[in-house]
Every structure is written in C-alpha cells, then in structure tokens.
N, C-alpha and C. Protein backbone atom coordinates (compact mmCIF):
# COMPACT_ATOMS: atom_id res chain seq x y z
N UNK A 1 -29.30 -50.17 -12.82
CA UNK A 1 -29.52 -48.78 -13.17
C UNK A 1 -28.47 -48.36 -14.19
N UNK A 2 -28.87 -47.53 -15.14
CA UNK A 2 -27.95 -47.07 -16.17
C UNK A 2 -27.11 -45.91 -15.66
N UNK A 3 -26.05 -45.63 -16.39
CA UNK A 3 -25.19 -44.51 -16.02
C UNK A 3 -25.98 -43.20 -16.01
N UNK A 4 -26.81 -42.99 -17.04
CA UNK A 4 -27.59 -41.75 -17.13
C UNK A 4 -28.50 -41.55 -15.93
N UNK A 5 -29.16 -42.59 -15.50
CA UNK A 5 -30.05 -42.44 -14.35
C UNK A 5 -29.26 -42.27 -13.06
N UNK A 6 -28.10 -42.97 -12.94
CA UNK A 6 -27.23 -42.76 -11.78
C UNK A 6 -26.73 -41.32 -11.74
N UNK A 7 -26.29 -40.82 -12.89
CA UNK A 7 -25.77 -39.45 -12.97
C UNK A 7 -26.86 -38.45 -12.62
N UNK A 8 -28.06 -38.63 -13.16
CA UNK A 8 -29.16 -37.72 -12.89
C UNK A 8 -29.51 -37.71 -11.41
N UNK A 9 -29.48 -38.86 -10.80
CA UNK A 9 -29.79 -38.97 -9.37
C UNK A 9 -28.73 -38.27 -8.52
N UNK A 10 -27.45 -38.51 -8.84
CA UNK A 10 -26.35 -37.88 -8.09
C UNK A 10 -26.36 -36.37 -8.28
N UNK A 11 -26.62 -35.94 -9.49
CA UNK A 11 -26.64 -34.50 -9.79
C UNK A 11 -27.80 -33.82 -9.05
N UNK A 12 -28.94 -34.47 -9.06
CA UNK A 12 -30.11 -33.92 -8.37
C UNK A 12 -29.85 -33.78 -6.87
N UNK A 13 -29.24 -34.81 -6.27
CA UNK A 13 -28.94 -34.77 -4.84
C UNK A 13 -27.93 -33.68 -4.52
N UNK A 14 -26.90 -33.53 -5.37
CA UNK A 14 -25.88 -32.50 -5.15
C UNK A 14 -26.48 -31.11 -5.30
N UNK A 15 -27.33 -30.92 -6.28
CA UNK A 15 -27.97 -29.62 -6.49
C UNK A 15 -28.85 -29.25 -5.30
N UNK A 16 -29.59 -30.21 -4.79
CA UNK A 16 -30.46 -29.95 -3.64
C UNK A 16 -29.64 -29.56 -2.42
N UNK A 17 -28.53 -30.24 -2.18
CA UNK A 17 -27.68 -29.91 -1.03
C UNK A 17 -27.07 -28.53 -1.17
N UNK A 18 -26.58 -28.21 -2.36
CA UNK A 18 -25.98 -26.90 -2.60
C UNK A 18 -27.00 -25.81 -2.39
N UNK A 19 -28.18 -25.99 -2.93
CA UNK A 19 -29.23 -25.00 -2.80
C UNK A 19 -29.59 -24.80 -1.34
N UNK A 20 -29.68 -25.88 -0.60
CA UNK A 20 -30.03 -25.76 0.82
C UNK A 20 -28.93 -25.05 1.59
N UNK A 21 -27.67 -25.32 1.27
CA UNK A 21 -26.58 -24.65 1.96
C UNK A 21 -26.59 -23.16 1.68
N UNK A 22 -26.85 -22.77 0.43
CA UNK A 22 -26.87 -21.36 0.08
C UNK A 22 -28.04 -20.65 0.74
N UNK A 23 -29.16 -21.32 0.86
CA UNK A 23 -30.33 -20.72 1.49
C UNK A 23 -30.16 -20.58 2.99
N UNK A 24 -29.27 -21.35 3.56
CA UNK A 24 -29.10 -21.33 5.01
C UNK A 24 -27.68 -20.93 5.38
N UNK A 25 -27.18 -19.89 4.74
CA UNK A 25 -25.81 -19.47 5.02
C UNK A 25 -25.71 -18.89 6.43
N UNK A 26 -24.55 -19.05 7.01
CA UNK A 26 -24.32 -18.55 8.37
C UNK A 26 -23.85 -17.11 8.29
N UNK A 27 -24.55 -16.22 8.99
CA UNK A 27 -24.20 -14.80 8.97
C UNK A 27 -23.22 -14.43 10.07
N UNK A 28 -22.71 -15.42 10.80
CA UNK A 28 -21.75 -15.16 11.86
C UNK A 28 -22.39 -15.01 13.22
N UNK A 29 -23.70 -14.90 13.27
CA UNK A 29 -24.39 -14.73 14.56
C UNK A 29 -24.90 -16.06 15.09
N UNK A 30 -24.69 -17.14 14.35
CA UNK A 30 -25.21 -18.43 14.76
C UNK A 30 -26.59 -18.69 14.19
N UNK A 31 -27.20 -17.68 13.61
CA UNK A 31 -28.51 -17.85 12.97
C UNK A 31 -28.29 -18.24 11.52
N UNK A 32 -28.55 -19.47 11.21
CA UNK A 32 -28.33 -19.92 9.84
C UNK A 32 -29.49 -19.47 8.95
N UNK A 33 -29.23 -18.42 8.17
CA UNK A 33 -30.23 -17.94 7.23
C UNK A 33 -31.28 -17.05 7.86
N UNK A 34 -31.19 -16.81 9.16
CA UNK A 34 -32.21 -16.02 9.83
C UNK A 34 -31.71 -14.64 10.21
N UNK A 35 -30.46 -14.35 9.89
CA UNK A 35 -29.85 -13.09 10.29
C UNK A 35 -30.26 -11.93 9.41
N UNK A 36 -29.61 -10.84 9.63
CA UNK A 36 -29.86 -9.62 8.88
C UNK A 36 -29.51 -9.81 7.41
N UNK A 37 -30.32 -9.29 6.53
CA UNK A 37 -30.06 -9.41 5.09
C UNK A 37 -29.11 -8.34 4.61
N UNK A 38 -28.68 -8.48 3.39
CA UNK A 38 -27.79 -7.51 2.77
C UNK A 38 -28.60 -6.27 2.41
N UNK A 39 -28.15 -5.12 2.86
CA UNK A 39 -28.84 -3.86 2.55
C UNK A 39 -27.85 -2.96 1.81
N UNK A 40 -28.15 -2.70 0.56
CA UNK A 40 -27.30 -1.87 -0.27
C UNK A 40 -28.07 -0.63 -0.68
N UNK A 41 -27.43 0.51 -0.50
CA UNK A 41 -28.03 1.78 -0.92
C UNK A 41 -27.01 2.53 -1.76
N UNK A 42 -27.47 3.56 -2.41
CA UNK A 42 -26.56 4.35 -3.24
C UNK A 42 -25.46 5.00 -2.39
N UNK A 43 -25.80 5.41 -1.17
CA UNK A 43 -24.77 6.04 -0.32
C UNK A 43 -23.70 5.03 0.10
N UNK A 44 -24.10 3.79 0.35
CA UNK A 44 -23.11 2.75 0.69
C UNK A 44 -22.19 2.49 -0.50
N UNK A 45 -22.76 2.41 -1.68
CA UNK A 45 -21.95 2.18 -2.88
C UNK A 45 -20.99 3.34 -3.14
N UNK A 46 -21.47 4.57 -2.95
CA UNK A 46 -20.60 5.73 -3.13
C UNK A 46 -19.49 5.75 -2.08
N UNK A 47 -19.82 5.35 -0.86
CA UNK A 47 -18.80 5.27 0.19
C UNK A 47 -17.72 4.25 -0.18
N UNK A 48 -18.15 3.11 -0.69
CA UNK A 48 -17.18 2.07 -1.10
C UNK A 48 -16.34 2.55 -2.28
N UNK A 49 -16.93 3.29 -3.19
CA UNK A 49 -16.18 3.84 -4.32
C UNK A 49 -15.11 4.80 -3.82
N UNK A 50 -15.44 5.59 -2.82
CA UNK A 50 -14.45 6.50 -2.22
C UNK A 50 -13.31 5.74 -1.58
N UNK A 51 -13.62 4.64 -0.92
CA UNK A 51 -12.57 3.82 -0.31
C UNK A 51 -11.70 3.18 -1.39
N UNK A 52 -12.31 2.78 -2.49
CA UNK A 52 -11.54 2.22 -3.61
C UNK A 52 -10.62 3.28 -4.20
N UNK A 53 -11.08 4.52 -4.24
CA UNK A 53 -10.22 5.62 -4.72
C UNK A 53 -9.02 5.81 -3.79
N UNK A 54 -9.26 5.69 -2.49
CA UNK A 54 -8.17 5.81 -1.52
C UNK A 54 -7.15 4.71 -1.73
N UNK A 55 -7.62 3.49 -1.94
CA UNK A 55 -6.72 2.36 -2.21
C UNK A 55 -5.93 2.63 -3.48
N UNK A 56 -6.61 3.13 -4.50
CA UNK A 56 -5.93 3.43 -5.77
C UNK A 56 -4.86 4.49 -5.57
N UNK A 57 -5.17 5.55 -4.83
CA UNK A 57 -4.19 6.61 -4.57
C UNK A 57 -2.98 6.07 -3.81
N UNK A 58 -3.24 5.27 -2.77
CA UNK A 58 -2.15 4.68 -1.98
C UNK A 58 -1.30 3.75 -2.84
N UNK A 59 -1.98 2.99 -3.69
CA UNK A 59 -1.28 2.06 -4.58
C UNK A 59 -0.36 2.82 -5.53
N UNK A 60 -0.86 3.90 -6.09
CA UNK A 60 -0.06 4.67 -7.04
C UNK A 60 1.09 5.40 -6.33
N UNK A 61 0.87 5.85 -5.09
CA UNK A 61 1.97 6.46 -4.32
C UNK A 61 3.08 5.44 -4.08
N UNK A 62 2.69 4.22 -3.73
CA UNK A 62 3.68 3.16 -3.52
C UNK A 62 4.41 2.85 -4.82
N UNK A 63 3.67 2.84 -5.92
CA UNK A 63 4.30 2.60 -7.22
C UNK A 63 5.28 3.72 -7.56
N UNK A 64 4.90 4.96 -7.33
CA UNK A 64 5.79 6.09 -7.63
C UNK A 64 7.07 6.00 -6.80
N UNK A 65 6.92 5.65 -5.55
CA UNK A 65 8.09 5.50 -4.68
C UNK A 65 9.00 4.37 -5.17
N UNK A 66 8.38 3.27 -5.54
CA UNK A 66 9.13 2.13 -6.05
C UNK A 66 9.87 2.49 -7.33
N UNK A 67 9.18 3.16 -8.24
CA UNK A 67 9.81 3.51 -9.51
C UNK A 67 10.93 4.54 -9.31
N UNK A 68 10.78 5.41 -8.32
CA UNK A 68 11.83 6.39 -8.04
C UNK A 68 13.10 5.66 -7.59
N UNK A 69 12.93 4.73 -6.66
CA UNK A 69 14.08 3.96 -6.16
C UNK A 69 14.65 3.05 -7.25
N UNK A 70 13.78 2.42 -8.00
CA UNK A 70 14.22 1.52 -9.07
C UNK A 70 14.93 2.29 -10.17
N UNK A 71 14.47 3.51 -10.43
CA UNK A 71 15.09 4.33 -11.46
C UNK A 71 16.54 4.67 -11.16
N UNK A 72 16.89 4.64 -9.88
CA UNK A 72 18.27 4.92 -9.50
C UNK A 72 19.19 3.74 -9.79
N UNK A 73 18.62 2.56 -9.91
CA UNK A 73 19.43 1.36 -10.16
C UNK A 73 19.81 1.26 -11.64
N UNK A 74 18.86 1.60 -12.51
CA UNK A 74 19.07 1.45 -13.95
C UNK A 74 20.37 2.02 -14.47
N UNK A 75 20.68 3.29 -14.20
CA UNK A 75 21.91 3.88 -14.73
C UNK A 75 23.18 3.20 -14.20
N UNK A 76 23.12 2.65 -12.99
CA UNK A 76 24.31 2.01 -12.43
C UNK A 76 24.62 0.68 -13.10
N UNK A 77 23.67 0.16 -13.89
CA UNK A 77 23.88 -1.11 -14.59
C UNK A 77 24.45 -0.93 -15.99
N UNK A 78 24.70 0.31 -16.37
CA UNK A 78 25.21 0.58 -17.71
C UNK A 78 26.51 -0.21 -17.93
N UNK A 79 26.53 -0.92 -19.06
CA UNK A 79 27.70 -1.73 -19.39
C UNK A 79 27.56 -3.19 -18.96
N UNK A 80 26.61 -3.50 -18.09
CA UNK A 80 26.36 -4.88 -17.67
C UNK A 80 25.35 -5.53 -18.60
N UNK A 81 25.47 -6.85 -18.77
CA UNK A 81 24.53 -7.57 -19.63
C UNK A 81 23.11 -7.53 -19.07
N UNK A 82 22.97 -7.40 -17.78
CA UNK A 82 21.65 -7.40 -17.16
C UNK A 82 20.92 -6.07 -17.34
N UNK A 83 21.60 -5.06 -17.87
CA UNK A 83 20.97 -3.74 -18.04
C UNK A 83 19.72 -3.83 -18.91
N UNK A 84 19.77 -4.59 -20.00
CA UNK A 84 18.60 -4.69 -20.89
C UNK A 84 17.46 -5.44 -20.20
N UNK A 85 17.80 -6.45 -19.40
CA UNK A 85 16.77 -7.18 -18.66
C UNK A 85 16.10 -6.27 -17.64
N UNK A 86 16.88 -5.42 -16.99
CA UNK A 86 16.33 -4.50 -16.01
C UNK A 86 15.42 -3.48 -16.70
N UNK A 87 15.83 -3.04 -17.87
CA UNK A 87 15.01 -2.10 -18.64
C UNK A 87 13.68 -2.76 -19.04
N UNK A 88 13.74 -4.01 -19.46
CA UNK A 88 12.53 -4.76 -19.81
C UNK A 88 11.62 -4.89 -18.59
N UNK A 89 12.23 -5.18 -17.43
CA UNK A 89 11.47 -5.30 -16.19
C UNK A 89 10.72 -4.00 -15.88
N UNK A 90 11.42 -2.88 -15.96
CA UNK A 90 10.77 -1.61 -15.60
C UNK A 90 9.67 -1.24 -16.60
N UNK A 91 9.88 -1.55 -17.89
CA UNK A 91 8.84 -1.30 -18.88
C UNK A 91 7.59 -2.12 -18.59
N UNK A 92 7.80 -3.40 -18.28
CA UNK A 92 6.66 -4.26 -17.96
C UNK A 92 5.98 -3.82 -16.67
N UNK A 93 6.76 -3.42 -15.68
CA UNK A 93 6.22 -2.93 -14.41
C UNK A 93 5.29 -1.73 -14.67
N UNK A 94 5.76 -0.79 -15.48
CA UNK A 94 4.96 0.40 -15.78
C UNK A 94 3.65 0.02 -16.46
N UNK A 95 3.73 -0.90 -17.43
CA UNK A 95 2.52 -1.34 -18.13
C UNK A 95 1.55 -2.01 -17.16
N UNK A 96 2.08 -2.83 -16.27
CA UNK A 96 1.22 -3.52 -15.31
C UNK A 96 0.60 -2.54 -14.31
N UNK A 97 1.34 -1.54 -13.92
CA UNK A 97 0.79 -0.54 -12.99
C UNK A 97 -0.32 0.26 -13.66
N UNK A 98 -0.14 0.59 -14.94
CA UNK A 98 -1.19 1.29 -15.67
C UNK A 98 -2.45 0.43 -15.74
N UNK A 99 -2.25 -0.86 -15.96
CA UNK A 99 -3.38 -1.80 -16.04
C UNK A 99 -4.12 -1.87 -14.70
N UNK A 100 -3.38 -2.03 -13.60
CA UNK A 100 -4.00 -2.12 -12.28
C UNK A 100 -4.69 -0.79 -11.93
N UNK A 101 -4.06 0.32 -12.27
CA UNK A 101 -4.66 1.63 -12.02
C UNK A 101 -5.99 1.75 -12.75
N UNK A 102 -6.02 1.33 -14.01
CA UNK A 102 -7.26 1.40 -14.78
C UNK A 102 -8.33 0.48 -14.19
N UNK A 103 -7.93 -0.70 -13.74
CA UNK A 103 -8.89 -1.61 -13.11
C UNK A 103 -9.50 -0.99 -11.86
N UNK A 104 -8.64 -0.42 -11.01
CA UNK A 104 -9.15 0.21 -9.78
C UNK A 104 -10.05 1.40 -10.09
N UNK A 105 -9.64 2.18 -11.09
CA UNK A 105 -10.40 3.39 -11.44
C UNK A 105 -11.73 3.04 -12.11
N UNK A 106 -11.69 2.21 -13.12
CA UNK A 106 -12.88 1.94 -13.93
C UNK A 106 -13.70 0.76 -13.43
N UNK A 107 -13.04 -0.36 -13.18
CA UNK A 107 -13.77 -1.58 -12.86
C UNK A 107 -14.18 -1.68 -11.40
N UNK A 108 -13.54 -0.91 -10.52
CA UNK A 108 -13.95 -0.94 -9.11
C UNK A 108 -14.69 0.36 -8.79
N UNK A 109 -13.97 1.47 -8.71
CA UNK A 109 -14.62 2.74 -8.35
C UNK A 109 -15.72 3.11 -9.35
N UNK A 110 -15.40 3.01 -10.62
CA UNK A 110 -16.38 3.39 -11.65
C UNK A 110 -17.62 2.51 -11.61
N UNK A 111 -17.43 1.21 -11.45
CA UNK A 111 -18.57 0.30 -11.39
C UNK A 111 -19.42 0.56 -10.15
N UNK A 112 -18.77 0.84 -9.02
CA UNK A 112 -19.52 1.16 -7.81
C UNK A 112 -20.33 2.44 -7.97
N UNK A 113 -19.71 3.47 -8.56
CA UNK A 113 -20.44 4.72 -8.78
C UNK A 113 -21.59 4.55 -9.77
N UNK A 114 -21.36 3.76 -10.80
CA UNK A 114 -22.42 3.49 -11.77
C UNK A 114 -23.58 2.76 -11.10
N UNK A 115 -23.26 1.79 -10.28
CA UNK A 115 -24.31 1.07 -9.54
C UNK A 115 -25.02 2.01 -8.58
N UNK A 116 -24.27 2.91 -7.94
CA UNK A 116 -24.88 3.87 -7.02
C UNK A 116 -25.88 4.76 -7.76
N UNK A 117 -25.52 5.18 -8.97
CA UNK A 117 -26.44 6.01 -9.75
C UNK A 117 -27.71 5.23 -10.11
N UNK A 118 -27.55 3.96 -10.45
CA UNK A 118 -28.72 3.12 -10.76
C UNK A 118 -29.60 2.96 -9.53
N UNK A 119 -28.96 2.71 -8.39
CA UNK A 119 -29.72 2.57 -7.15
C UNK A 119 -30.44 3.87 -6.81
N UNK A 120 -29.75 5.00 -6.99
CA UNK A 120 -30.34 6.30 -6.67
C UNK A 120 -31.57 6.54 -7.55
N UNK A 121 -31.48 6.21 -8.82
CA UNK A 121 -32.62 6.38 -9.73
C UNK A 121 -33.78 5.49 -9.29
N UNK A 122 -33.45 4.26 -8.91
CA UNK A 122 -34.49 3.34 -8.46
C UNK A 122 -35.10 3.82 -7.14
N UNK A 123 -34.25 4.33 -6.24
CA UNK A 123 -34.75 4.85 -4.96
C UNK A 123 -35.69 6.03 -5.19
N UNK A 124 -35.32 6.94 -6.11
CA UNK A 124 -36.19 8.08 -6.43
C UNK A 124 -37.52 7.61 -7.01
N UNK A 125 -37.44 6.65 -7.92
CA UNK A 125 -38.64 6.12 -8.56
C UNK A 125 -39.57 5.51 -7.52
N UNK A 126 -39.01 4.72 -6.60
CA UNK A 126 -39.81 4.12 -5.54
C UNK A 126 -40.40 5.17 -4.62
N UNK A 127 -39.62 6.18 -4.28
CA UNK A 127 -40.10 7.26 -3.42
C UNK A 127 -41.25 8.00 -4.10
N UNK A 128 -41.09 8.30 -5.38
CA UNK A 128 -42.16 8.98 -6.12
C UNK A 128 -43.41 8.11 -6.20
N UNK A 129 -43.21 6.82 -6.41
CA UNK A 129 -44.35 5.90 -6.51
C UNK A 129 -45.09 5.84 -5.18
N UNK A 130 -44.35 5.75 -4.09
CA UNK A 130 -44.98 5.68 -2.77
C UNK A 130 -45.67 6.99 -2.40
N UNK A 131 -45.05 8.11 -2.75
CA UNK A 131 -45.67 9.39 -2.41
C UNK A 131 -46.91 9.63 -3.26
N UNK A 132 -46.93 9.16 -4.50
CA UNK A 132 -48.11 9.33 -5.35
C UNK A 132 -49.24 8.40 -4.92
N UNK A 133 -48.91 7.25 -4.34
CA UNK A 133 -49.95 6.34 -3.86
C UNK A 133 -50.66 6.91 -2.65
N UNK A 134 -49.97 7.73 -1.87
CA UNK A 134 -50.56 8.32 -0.67
C UNK A 134 -51.43 9.53 -0.94
N UNK A 135 -51.36 10.08 -2.16
CA UNK A 135 -52.15 11.27 -2.49
C UNK A 135 -53.59 10.89 -2.78
N UNK A 136 -54.46 11.82 -2.50
CA UNK A 136 -55.89 11.62 -2.72
C UNK A 136 -56.23 12.12 -4.13
N UNK A 137 -56.55 11.21 -5.08
CA UNK A 137 -56.85 11.66 -6.47
C UNK A 137 -58.20 12.37 -6.50
N UNK A 138 -58.25 13.64 -6.92
CA UNK A 138 -59.51 14.41 -7.00
C UNK A 138 -59.73 14.90 -8.38
C-alpha cells in the first residue's frame, strides 16, 4: 500500500471516530447523546450578558484597588534605579486593564446582547409565522 492510501485510510478512520464521539457526547446524566439539548433564548443570552457586566464591574473594582495601593509605592521609589521600571510596569498594567475591560464590554457582554437581539428577532418572526398559519384566510 502506498503512503497516500495509508494516510487516507487512517484519516478516514480518525474522522469517523471523532464524528461519532461528538454525536454521542455525555451530558453528565449517563445518557450518551440522549440527554437534554442546548436551549438558547434571547432572555438567557441577556442574563449571561448581565453576569458578564457584573464580572467586568468586579474586575475593574479590583483593578482600581490595586492601582490605588500600587500608586502609593511609586513615589517612595524616587531616586532608586527601579523607579523607571516600576513606572513602566504601571503603564503597561493600565494598558492591559483597558484591553481586558474592552474585551469584557464588547467581546463578551456586547456579543451576547447582539446575539440576544438576533434571537429575539428570529423568535418574533417565528411567532408571527406560526400565528399567521393558524389564521383562516378569507
């Protein structure tokens, strides 16, 4: 057998096993693939966005507390060679905190809210479609 046919055979077998494992994932109840499915609604997404906002607020409070305490160290290093390194550290810390704050705000909370709005529009569309199907056209 050639390398190409060996590779194709091995790849095919691995793909089949992976696919079967994903189709039969364990939901924790012992039912492999037979358990409750994932149910996502706009209200669930909005709830998760609110929780992400809480995490963001707590994170920023911790950062503010840290920077307050760290700010007290900086002036005491005046005249030491490490003063510039400490200043560099605090500048980088601030930049990184701004980055993490933006990620939590936009990429987590914002994305969840955007998805919630899409779900809500789809839910309305489905509701309208179902209610119009039940009407008697005269």
